[in-house]
Protein backbone atom coordinates (compact mmCIF):
# COMPACT_ATOMS: atom_id res chain seq x y z
CA MET A 1 23.35 -15.43 -23.56
CA LYS A 2 21.07 -17.42 -25.87
CA LYS A 3 21.60 -20.55 -23.79
CA GLY A 4 20.55 -18.73 -20.63
CA LEU A 5 17.46 -17.31 -22.26
CA VAL A 6 16.44 -20.74 -23.51
CA VAL A 7 16.85 -22.24 -20.04
CA GLY A 8 14.82 -19.36 -18.57
CA ALA A 9 12.05 -19.94 -21.12
CA VAL A 10 12.01 -23.67 -20.33
CA LEU A 11 11.65 -22.92 -16.63
CA VAL A 12 8.71 -20.60 -17.30
CA ALA A 13 7.04 -23.19 -19.54
CA CYS A 14 7.49 -25.91 -16.92
CA ALA A 15 5.96 -23.66 -14.30
CA PHE A 16 2.86 -23.14 -16.45
CA ALA A 17 2.50 -26.83 -17.20
CA PHE A 18 2.77 -27.77 -13.55
CA THR A 19 0.28 -25.31 -12.15
CA GLY A 20 -2.71 -26.07 -14.38
CA ALA A 21 -5.83 -24.00 -14.79
CA ALA A 22 -6.41 -23.53 -11.05
CA LEU A 23 -3.39 -21.25 -10.66
CA ALA A 24 -2.83 -17.74 -11.97
CA ALA A 25 0.72 -16.91 -13.07
CA GLU A 26 2.30 -13.47 -12.99
CA ILE A 27 5.56 -13.10 -14.90
CA SER A 28 7.83 -10.10 -14.58
CA THR A 29 11.30 -9.28 -15.82
CA SER A 30 13.61 -6.87 -14.06
CA GLY A 31 17.30 -6.16 -14.07
CA THR A 32 20.13 -3.67 -13.93
CA ILE A 33 22.98 -2.81 -16.25
CA GLU A 34 25.77 -0.72 -14.77
CA PHE A 35 28.99 0.69 -16.16
CA THR A 36 31.50 1.63 -13.48
CA LEU A 37 34.78 3.42 -13.06
CA SER A 38 36.47 2.47 -9.80
CA GLY A 39 39.71 3.24 -8.08
CA THR A 40 41.51 2.89 -4.77
CA SER A 41 44.55 4.06 -2.85
CA GLU A 42 44.87 0.60 -1.28
CA GLU A 43 48.41 -0.71 -1.62
CA GLY A 44 48.81 -3.43 -4.24
CA GLU A 45 45.38 -2.86 -5.78
CA PRO A 46 44.80 -1.51 -9.33
CA SER A 47 43.01 1.78 -9.84
CA GLY A 48 41.13 3.53 -12.63
CA LEU A 49 39.36 0.37 -13.77
CA PHE A 50 36.35 0.18 -16.05
CA GLY A 51 33.91 -2.48 -14.86
CA ALA A 52 30.60 -4.12 -15.64
CA GLY A 53 28.94 -3.47 -12.28
CA ASP A 54 25.63 -5.30 -11.87
CA VAL A 55 24.61 -6.77 -15.21
CA LEU A 56 21.66 -8.90 -14.15
CA VAL A 57 18.24 -9.86 -15.47
CA ASP A 58 15.67 -11.64 -13.27
CA TYR A 59 12.82 -13.72 -14.69
CA SER A 60 10.33 -13.79 -11.84
CA VAL A 61 7.46 -16.28 -12.05
CA THR A 62 4.84 -15.95 -9.30
CA LEU A 63 1.99 -18.45 -8.95
CA THR A 64 -1.02 -17.84 -6.70
CA SER A 65 -3.97 -19.91 -5.58
CA ASP A 66 -6.22 -18.65 -2.77
CA SER A 67 -3.91 -18.05 0.22
CA TRP A 68 -0.94 -19.82 -1.40
CA GLU A 69 1.83 -18.21 -3.41
CA ALA A 70 4.96 -19.64 -5.01
CA ASN A 71 7.84 -17.84 -6.66
CA LEU A 72 10.77 -18.91 -8.80
CA THR A 73 13.33 -16.31 -9.86
CA PRO A 74 16.11 -17.47 -12.19
CA GLU A 75 18.80 -14.79 -12.51
CA PHE A 76 20.88 -14.41 -15.63
CA ASP A 77 24.22 -12.59 -15.41
CA LEU A 78 24.83 -11.02 -18.82
CA ALA A 79 28.52 -10.42 -18.10
CA SER A 80 29.43 -14.04 -17.35
CA GLU A 81 26.50 -15.73 -19.15
CA ALA A 82 25.72 -17.62 -15.94
CA LEU A 83 22.22 -18.75 -14.97
CA THR A 84 21.53 -19.10 -11.25
CA PHE A 85 18.49 -18.96 -8.97
CA ASP A 86 18.14 -15.69 -7.09
CA ASP A 87 15.06 -16.68 -5.09
CA ALA A 88 12.42 -19.36 -4.63
CA TYR A 89 9.72 -19.64 -2.01
CA ILE A 90 6.34 -21.07 -1.08
CA LYS A 91 4.14 -18.72 0.95
CA TYR A 92 0.90 -19.19 2.86
CA SER A 93 -0.84 -16.00 3.99
CA LEU A 94 -3.59 -15.36 6.53
CA GLU A 95 -5.07 -11.97 7.38
CA THR A 96 -2.18 -10.80 9.59
CA LEU A 97 0.16 -13.80 9.45
CA ALA A 98 2.32 -15.28 6.69
CA PHE A 99 4.51 -18.39 6.53
CA THR A 100 7.27 -18.55 3.93
CA MET A 101 9.25 -21.70 3.09
CA LYS A 102 12.58 -20.90 1.36
CA PRO A 103 14.45 -23.89 -0.09
CA LEU A 104 17.38 -21.77 -1.33
CA GLY A 105 18.12 -20.35 2.11
CA ILE A 106 16.83 -17.87 4.65
CA ASP A 107 18.93 -15.61 6.88
CA LYS A 108 18.81 -12.25 8.64
CA GLU A 109 21.64 -9.75 9.08
CA LEU A 110 22.38 -7.33 11.92
CA PHE A 111 21.10 -4.35 9.91
CA ASP A 112 24.10 -2.48 8.43
CA VAL A 113 26.42 -2.84 11.46
CA GLU A 114 29.65 -4.31 10.09
CA GLY A 115 33.32 -5.09 10.53
CA LYS A 116 35.86 -5.87 7.84
CA ASP A 117 34.07 -9.18 7.04
CA GLY A 118 30.53 -7.79 6.89
CA GLU A 119 27.50 -7.94 9.17
CA PRO A 120 26.79 -10.62 11.80
CA ASP A 121 24.06 -12.96 10.57
CA ILE A 122 22.79 -16.52 10.68
CA PRO A 123 23.95 -18.94 7.96
CA SER A 124 21.76 -18.97 4.86
CA LYS A 125 20.14 -22.42 4.82
CA PRO A 126 16.76 -23.83 3.76
CA GLY A 127 14.22 -22.76 6.35
CA ILE A 128 10.99 -21.03 7.28
CA GLY A 129 10.08 -17.40 7.80
CA VAL A 130 7.11 -16.18 9.83
CA ASN A 131 5.80 -12.63 9.46
CA MET A 132 3.01 -11.04 11.52
CA VAL A 133 1.67 -7.53 10.98
CA VAL A 134 -0.51 -5.83 13.58
CA ALA A 135 -0.08 -2.21 12.53
CA PRO A 136 1.95 -0.32 13.53
CA LEU A 137 3.89 -3.40 14.79
CA THR A 138 5.58 -5.97 12.55
CA LEU A 139 7.15 -9.18 13.90
CA ASP A 140 9.21 -11.65 11.90
CA LEU A 141 11.11 -14.87 12.58
CA ALA A 142 13.64 -16.73 10.41
CA VAL A 143 14.49 -20.35 11.30
CA ASN A 144 16.75 -22.84 9.55
CA ASN A 145 18.93 -25.80 10.46
CA GLN A 146 21.74 -27.92 9.11
CA ALA A 147 23.30 -31.31 9.75
CA VAL A 148 26.29 -31.42 12.12
CA GLY A 149 27.30 -35.05 12.43
CA ASP A 150 24.17 -36.93 13.44
CA GLU A 151 22.45 -33.81 14.83
CA ALA A 152 20.30 -31.05 13.34
CA LYS A 153 21.64 -27.72 14.61
CA PHE A 154 19.29 -24.73 14.51
CA ASN A 155 19.84 -21.09 13.63
CA PHE A 156 17.20 -18.42 14.14
CA ALA A 157 16.73 -14.66 14.02
CA PHE A 158 13.85 -12.60 15.39
CA GLY A 159 12.90 -9.04 14.44
CA ALA A 160 10.38 -6.47 15.64
CA LYS A 161 9.54 -3.18 13.89
CA TYR A 162 7.35 -0.35 15.14
CA GLY A 163 6.51 2.55 12.87
CA ILE A 164 4.50 5.65 13.61
CA ASP A 165 4.32 8.82 11.54
CA SER A 166 7.84 9.48 10.22
CA VAL A 167 9.75 7.43 12.82
CA THR A 168 10.60 3.72 12.71
CA LEU A 169 12.05 1.70 15.59
CA GLU A 170 13.40 -1.79 14.97
CA ALA A 171 15.17 -4.51 16.95
CA VAL A 172 16.75 -7.81 15.90
CA TYR A 173 18.17 -10.84 17.72
CA GLY A 174 19.92 -13.82 16.13
CA LEU A 175 21.57 -17.04 17.29
CA SER A 176 23.65 -19.66 15.47
CA ASP A 177 24.33 -22.99 17.17
CA VAL A 178 26.73 -24.25 14.48
CA GLU A 179 30.41 -24.11 15.50
CA THR A 180 31.62 -23.80 11.91
CA ALA A 181 29.33 -20.84 11.16
CA ASP A 182 31.08 -17.55 10.32
CA TRP A 183 29.23 -15.85 13.18
CA TYR A 184 29.02 -18.66 15.78
CA GLY A 185 27.15 -17.17 18.73
CA SER A 186 24.43 -14.57 19.13
CA TYR A 187 23.85 -10.96 18.12
CA TYR A 188 21.32 -8.23 18.74
CA GLY A 189 20.79 -4.67 17.62
CA VAL A 190 18.47 -1.67 17.49
CA LEU A 191 17.66 0.81 14.73
CA VAL A 192 16.07 4.26 14.71
CA LEU A 193 14.99 5.85 11.42
CA ALA A 194 13.45 9.31 10.97
CA GLU A 195 12.24 10.48 7.55
CA LEU A 196 11.57 14.22 7.71
CA ASP A 197 10.55 15.65 4.33
CA SER A 198 13.81 15.88 2.38
CA LEU A 199 15.97 14.78 5.32
CA THR A 200 16.57 11.17 6.42
CA LEU A 201 18.35 10.33 9.67
CA GLU A 202 19.27 6.80 10.70
CA GLY A 203 21.19 5.29 13.60
CA GLN A 204 21.99 1.65 14.40
CA TYR A 205 23.77 -0.16 17.20
CA GLY A 206 24.61 -3.85 17.43
CA THR A 207 26.66 -6.35 19.40
CA PHE A 208 27.97 -9.87 18.74
CA SER A 209 28.63 -12.44 21.47
CA PRO A 210 30.83 -15.29 20.21
CA GLU A 211 30.09 -18.72 21.65
CA ALA A 212 33.67 -20.02 21.39
CA ALA A 213 35.53 -20.08 24.71
CA GLY A 214 37.92 -17.23 25.48
CA LEU A 215 36.45 -14.71 23.03
CA GLU A 216 34.96 -11.36 24.04
CA ASP A 217 31.78 -9.59 22.97
CA GLY A 218 32.12 -7.00 20.24
CA SER A 219 29.96 -4.05 19.21
CA GLY A 220 29.52 -1.59 16.38
CA TYR A 221 27.30 1.14 15.02
CA TYR A 222 26.09 2.75 11.82
CA ALA A 223 24.82 6.26 11.09
CA LYS A 224 23.40 7.89 7.98
CA VAL A 225 22.31 11.37 6.99
CA ALA A 226 20.68 11.80 3.57
CA TYR A 227 19.22 14.93 2.00
CA GLY A 228 17.07 15.13 -1.14
CA LEU A 229 17.95 18.17 -3.22
CA SER A 230 15.20 20.29 -4.71
CA GLU A 231 14.09 20.33 -8.35
CA GLY A 232 15.07 16.70 -8.99
CA LEU A 233 18.79 17.33 -8.50
CA GLY A 234 19.30 14.05 -6.66
CA THR A 235 20.28 12.96 -3.16
CA VAL A 236 23.45 13.44 -1.14
CA ALA A 237 24.26 11.14 1.77
CA VAL A 238 26.97 10.54 4.34
CA GLU A 239 27.27 7.14 6.03
CA TYR A 240 29.53 6.02 8.86
CA TRP A 241 30.37 2.54 10.16
CA GLY A 242 32.38 1.76 13.28
CA ALA A 243 33.27 -1.49 15.04
CA ASP A 244 35.55 -2.40 17.92
CA LYS A 245 38.36 -4.95 17.61
CA GLU A 246 36.21 -7.90 18.71
CA LEU A 247 33.34 -7.33 16.26
CA ASN A 248 35.85 -6.58 13.52
CA GLY A 249 37.46 -9.98 14.05
CA LYS A 250 34.25 -11.96 14.73
CA GLY A 251 35.31 -12.27 18.36
CA THR A 252 39.03 -12.66 17.71
CA PRO A 253 40.46 -9.15 18.21
CA THR A 254 42.08 -7.41 15.27
CA ALA A 255 44.98 -4.98 15.71
CA GLU A 256 42.75 -1.89 15.75
CA ASP A 257 39.11 -0.86 15.45
CA TYR A 258 37.31 -0.80 12.11
CA SER A 259 35.85 2.36 10.60
CA ARG A 260 34.41 3.43 7.29
CA ILE A 261 32.97 6.74 6.12
CA LYS A 262 31.21 7.11 2.79
CA GLY A 263 29.93 10.08 0.83
CA LYS A 264 27.47 9.43 -1.99
CA TYR A 265 25.61 11.47 -4.58
CA GLU A 266 22.78 9.97 -6.65
CA HIS A 267 21.21 11.83 -9.56
CA PRO A 268 18.36 10.51 -11.75
CA LEU A 269 19.26 11.38 -15.35
CA THR A 270 15.94 9.97 -16.57
CA ASP A 271 13.25 7.73 -15.06
CA ALA A 272 15.34 4.64 -15.81
CA VAL A 273 18.91 6.00 -15.88
CA SER A 274 20.89 7.16 -12.86
CA LEU A 275 24.33 8.51 -12.02
CA THR A 276 25.97 7.57 -8.72
CA LEU A 277 29.22 8.98 -7.36
CA SER A 278 30.71 7.65 -4.13
CA ILE A 279 33.90 7.80 -2.13
CA ASP A 280 34.83 5.63 0.87
CA ASN A 281 37.60 5.99 3.42
CA ILE A 282 38.21 2.65 5.17
CA THR A 283 40.33 1.77 8.19
CA PRO A 284 40.33 -2.08 8.28
CA GLY A 285 42.11 -2.38 11.64
CA THR A 286 44.09 -5.42 10.49
CA GLU A 287 47.74 -6.36 10.18
CA VAL A 288 49.76 -7.98 7.39
CA GLU A 289 52.97 -9.68 8.54
CA GLY A 290 52.84 -7.74 11.80
CA VAL A 291 52.37 -4.34 10.14
CA GLU A 292 49.06 -2.53 10.65
CA VAL A 293 47.13 -1.93 7.42
CA GLU A 294 46.69 1.81 6.97
CA SER A 295 43.44 3.46 5.96
CA TYR A 296 42.73 3.71 2.25
CA THR A 297 40.23 5.39 -0.04
CA LYS A 298 37.96 3.91 -2.68
CA TYR A 299 35.96 5.82 -5.27
CA LYS A 300 33.35 4.79 -7.80
CA ALA A 301 31.33 6.38 -10.58
CA VAL A 302 28.38 4.39 -11.92
CA ILE A 303 25.97 4.89 -14.81
CA GLY A 304 23.06 2.53 -14.25
CA VAL A 305 19.99 1.56 -16.29
CA SER A 306 17.01 -0.21 -14.72
CA LEU A 307 15.04 -2.55 -16.94
């Protein structure tokens, strides 16, 4: 841990030396420490395990000068004593428009719509983000590219969000032109969110169109209902994910559809300490040696402290 802290301090010192008197630096430290108890009914997997959860500390250094902003966020994992970079960007802001250059990678997922291998997205590569806000409308664009032989292949994702009163509408479209990308092809989706006092309702729908020949389009959806209990007793939520065979297999059909339902309870024990209880029932829709994998249940109890 001492080695990581020293490296973090050196990075901060270098940032100060580089910027000079013309720049103002804002330094913040944040992190989470979680202790978990997890279990599963999945065949061949251990249950009743104690775990470290997220044990992370971020040293965020933000430098500003007029319309320019730069950020460097080294992240130190206390559990493995590993120092990595969580984020880094250079940002130029106008009144309603901002350009962000991200050397560590920029991407954009299809909301929370997922199959067994996660959400469709564009590969995370160095690129540029553009954000424009004309209230109540927000538009954003993520663009990156990568070398494929002697060509530069582009990936991009576009989003639009419209919010009024307690309702938010959002749409996203993405395209990857790289054949080796996990999600080679295009995707789009829509989201509706309503926040009504203590009740939150959310619905999402998305589809993925693989570019590879002979593969079919796939689609999926996500729904969430959350309710805030009175007198600071916490929040209860139910979430549901569903995906057809094609989305579940990234265009290559799996044996069956994918589904996941999750119940979660979050209770703030203090301002900085929380208790989270969750249980998931997952139907992966896959086969192992010709035998369909049956649904299984996962549970987790987490005590978390925010720094």
